[in-house]
Protein backbone atom coordinates (compact mmCIF):
# COMPACT_ATOMS: atom_id res chain seq x y z
CA UNK A 1 -76.91 -81.69 31.67
CA UNK A 2 -75.11 -79.73 34.29
CA UNK A 3 -72.37 -82.33 34.47
CA UNK A 4 -71.86 -82.14 30.70
CA UNK A 5 -71.69 -78.36 30.88
CA UNK A 6 -69.08 -78.48 33.67
CA UNK A 7 -66.95 -81.03 31.77
CA UNK A 8 -67.04 -79.03 28.57
CA UNK A 9 -66.13 -75.82 30.46
CA UNK A 10 -63.21 -77.60 32.08
CA UNK A 11 -62.18 -79.07 28.75
CA UNK A 12 -62.35 -75.63 27.11
CA UNK A 13 -60.25 -74.13 29.91
CA UNK A 14 -57.75 -76.97 29.61
CA UNK A 15 -57.62 -76.55 25.85
CA UNK A 16 -57.09 -72.79 26.30
CA UNK A 17 -54.21 -73.40 28.71
CA UNK A 18 -52.67 -75.94 26.35
CA UNK A 19 -52.85 -73.53 23.40
CA UNK A 20 -51.42 -70.70 25.56
CA UNK A 21 -48.47 -72.83 26.64
CA UNK A 22 -47.75 -73.88 23.07
CA UNK A 23 -47.82 -70.22 21.98
CA UNK A 24 -45.52 -69.18 24.85
CA UNK A 25 -43.09 -72.01 24.13
CA UNK A 26 -43.06 -71.16 20.42
CA UNK A 27 -42.58 -67.43 20.95
CA UNK A 28 -39.83 -67.84 23.58
CA UNK A 29 -38.00 -70.57 21.72
CA UNK A 30 -34.94 -69.08 20.00
CA UNK A 31 -32.70 -70.81 17.55
CA UNK A 32 -29.04 -71.13 18.44
CA UNK A 33 -26.00 -72.12 16.46
CA UNK A 34 -23.15 -73.23 18.67
CA UNK A 35 -19.44 -72.85 17.99
CA UNK A 36 -16.66 -74.11 20.19
CA UNK A 37 -13.11 -73.05 20.94
CA UNK A 38 -10.89 -75.39 22.89
CA UNK A 39 -7.37 -74.41 23.96
CA UNK A 40 -4.49 -76.11 25.68
CA UNK A 41 -2.36 -73.53 27.51
CA UNK A 42 1.12 -74.45 28.72
CA UNK A 43 4.19 -72.74 30.10
CA UNK A 44 6.92 -71.75 27.70
CA UNK A 45 10.42 -71.34 29.01
CA UNK A 46 12.17 -68.06 28.35
CA UNK A 47 15.85 -68.17 27.42
CA UNK A 48 16.77 -65.11 29.50
CA UNK A 49 17.34 -65.37 33.24
CA UNK A 50 18.44 -62.93 35.93
CA UNK A 51 21.51 -63.98 37.93
CA UNK A 52 23.03 -62.45 41.08
CA UNK A 53 26.20 -60.50 40.37
CA UNK A 54 29.21 -60.20 42.68
CA UNK A 55 27.69 -57.01 44.22
CA UNK A 56 24.27 -58.66 44.62
CA UNK A 57 24.50 -58.81 48.42
CA UNK A 58 25.48 -55.15 48.77
CA UNK A 59 22.83 -54.04 46.27
CA UNK A 60 20.13 -56.16 47.92
CA UNK A 61 19.52 -58.15 44.74
CA UNK A 62 16.50 -60.44 44.94
CA UNK A 63 15.43 -62.62 42.01
CA UNK A 64 12.00 -64.17 41.71
CA UNK A 65 11.31 -65.75 38.35
CA UNK A 66 11.44 -63.07 35.66
CA UNK A 67 11.79 -60.19 38.16
CA UNK A 68 15.01 -58.88 39.68
CA UNK A 69 14.73 -56.32 42.47
CA UNK A 70 17.61 -54.21 43.78
CA UNK A 71 16.56 -53.06 47.27
CA UNK A 72 19.68 -51.43 48.68
CA UNK A 73 21.17 -49.09 46.06
CA UNK A 74 22.48 -45.88 47.65
CA UNK A 75 24.60 -42.91 46.77
CA UNK A 76 26.09 -39.92 48.61
CA UNK A 77 24.87 -36.33 48.18
CA UNK A 78 26.98 -34.47 45.59
CA UNK A 79 28.68 -37.69 44.58
CA UNK A 80 28.41 -40.88 42.57
CA UNK A 81 28.28 -44.46 43.76
CA UNK A 82 28.99 -47.30 41.33
CA UNK A 83 27.68 -50.82 41.75
CA UNK A 84 29.76 -52.67 39.13
CA UNK A 85 27.94 -56.03 39.24
CA UNK A 86 24.64 -56.13 41.19
CA UNK A 87 22.73 -58.23 38.65
CA UNK A 88 23.39 -60.12 35.43
CA UNK A 89 21.31 -61.25 32.49
CA UNK A 90 22.05 -64.73 31.21
CA UNK A 91 20.95 -66.21 27.88
CA UNK A 92 20.58 -69.92 28.58
CA UNK A 93 19.11 -70.64 25.13
CA UNK A 94 20.66 -72.07 22.01
CA UNK A 95 20.37 -68.87 19.95
CA UNK A 96 20.70 -65.10 20.30
CA UNK A 97 17.83 -63.19 21.89
CA UNK A 98 16.98 -59.65 20.83
CA UNK A 99 15.16 -57.45 23.35
CA UNK A 100 14.38 -53.84 24.28
CA UNK A 101 14.81 -52.05 27.60
CA UNK A 102 12.13 -49.52 28.51
CA UNK A 103 12.35 -47.08 31.41
CA UNK A 104 8.76 -47.52 32.63
CA UNK A 105 8.91 -45.13 35.57
CA UNK A 106 11.22 -43.09 37.78
CA UNK A 107 9.38 -41.75 40.83
CA UNK A 108 10.20 -40.23 44.20
CA UNK A 109 12.73 -37.48 45.04
CA UNK A 110 13.78 -36.99 41.42
CA UNK A 111 14.28 -33.24 41.96
CA UNK A 112 17.30 -34.14 44.13
CA UNK A 113 18.65 -36.76 41.70
CA UNK A 114 21.29 -35.89 39.11
CA UNK A 115 21.45 -39.13 37.18
CA UNK A 116 21.10 -42.89 37.13
CA UNK A 117 22.96 -44.69 34.38
CA UNK A 118 22.99 -48.43 33.80
CA UNK A 119 26.01 -49.57 31.82
CA UNK A 120 25.77 -53.02 30.29
CA UNK A 121 28.92 -55.12 29.78
CA UNK A 122 29.51 -58.54 28.26
CA UNK A 123 30.99 -60.88 30.88
CA UNK A 124 32.78 -62.93 28.19
CA UNK A 125 35.05 -60.17 26.92
CA UNK A 126 34.21 -57.13 29.14
CA UNK A 127 33.00 -55.26 26.04
CA UNK A 128 30.65 -52.35 26.62
CA UNK A 129 27.23 -53.18 25.15
CA UNK A 130 25.11 -50.10 25.84
CA UNK A 131 24.62 -47.28 28.33
CA UNK A 132 21.01 -46.86 29.44
CA UNK A 133 20.22 -43.42 30.83
CA UNK A 134 17.51 -44.10 33.39
CA UNK A 135 17.40 -40.54 34.76
CA UNK A 136 19.10 -37.31 33.76
CA UNK A 137 16.78 -34.40 34.64
CA UNK A 138 13.95 -36.42 33.03
CA UNK A 139 13.05 -40.08 32.60
CA UNK A 140 15.35 -41.84 30.15
CA UNK A 141 14.33 -43.39 26.88
CA UNK A 142 14.09 -46.93 25.58
CA UNK A 143 17.04 -48.89 24.25
CA UNK A 144 16.00 -51.14 21.39
CA UNK A 145 17.49 -53.99 19.45
CA UNK A 146 19.86 -55.33 22.11
CA UNK A 147 20.98 -58.83 21.14
CA UNK A 148 22.57 -61.18 23.66
CA UNK A 149 24.27 -64.25 22.23
CA UNK A 150 23.56 -67.81 23.18
CA UNK A 151 25.20 -68.81 26.49
CA UNK A 152 26.33 -65.18 27.06
CA UNK A 153 25.98 -63.27 30.29
CA UNK A 154 25.83 -59.49 30.67
CA UNK A 155 26.33 -57.48 33.85
CA UNK A 156 24.26 -54.38 34.59
CA UNK A 157 26.44 -51.75 36.30
CA UNK A 158 24.49 -49.04 38.15
CA UNK A 159 25.89 -45.50 38.60
CA UNK A 160 23.89 -43.32 41.00
CA UNK A 161 24.55 -39.58 41.31
CA UNK A 162 22.61 -37.40 43.78
CA UNK A 163 22.65 -33.57 43.82
CA UNK A 164 24.25 -31.72 46.74
CA UNK A 165 20.78 -30.86 48.13
CA UNK A 166 19.87 -34.54 48.58
CA UNK A 167 19.19 -35.69 52.13
CA UNK A 168 19.46 -39.19 53.61
CA UNK A 169 15.74 -39.94 53.48
CA UNK A 170 15.45 -39.17 49.73
CA UNK A 171 14.55 -42.20 47.64
CA UNK A 172 13.83 -42.83 43.99
CA UNK A 173 12.06 -45.89 42.60
CA UNK A 174 13.07 -47.11 39.13
CA UNK A 175 11.06 -49.51 36.98
CA UNK A 176 12.82 -51.00 33.95
CA UNK A 177 11.12 -53.46 31.62
CA UNK A 178 12.82 -55.89 29.26
CA UNK A 179 10.61 -56.54 26.27
CA UNK A 180 11.42 -59.84 24.58
CA UNK A 181 9.46 -60.29 21.35
CA UNK A 182 8.08 -63.79 20.89
CA UNK A 183 8.32 -65.63 17.63
């Protein structure tokens, strides 16, 4: 009889464990609905491209993809220096491109800076397109709705004017952003 008692105790324990695991599995089982999103991401060419101008070497123009950097712009104290053609913007596309220019930041020795003006000219007919005031006592404002024609190239002339109190180690960093709306 002892053997029967031991077997039924073991069977009861096993049955209890089995019921417990079923309860745990049922309670912890959640229902899920799955949705999927698949995407193919590719590179789209942009019709605008920076190009070195004839003053690119003097201005320290460096172009890397969509970024042009002018590393050597200078000006004398109490005077103005003009870089007529340090960098150009070329529309290589088959249609006009409309864009905005935003003055993102002007930092550094701005208290000793009189002004920075970027004058934009069409290389095809030398027509003046727009004057962008980058700095004139305060940070300049955005220029909106500029439209460059297909196969046209514009030059960006920089005019830098320091105050008489400027010293040779004064520097100002300018960040301009071209915003090209996508279709």
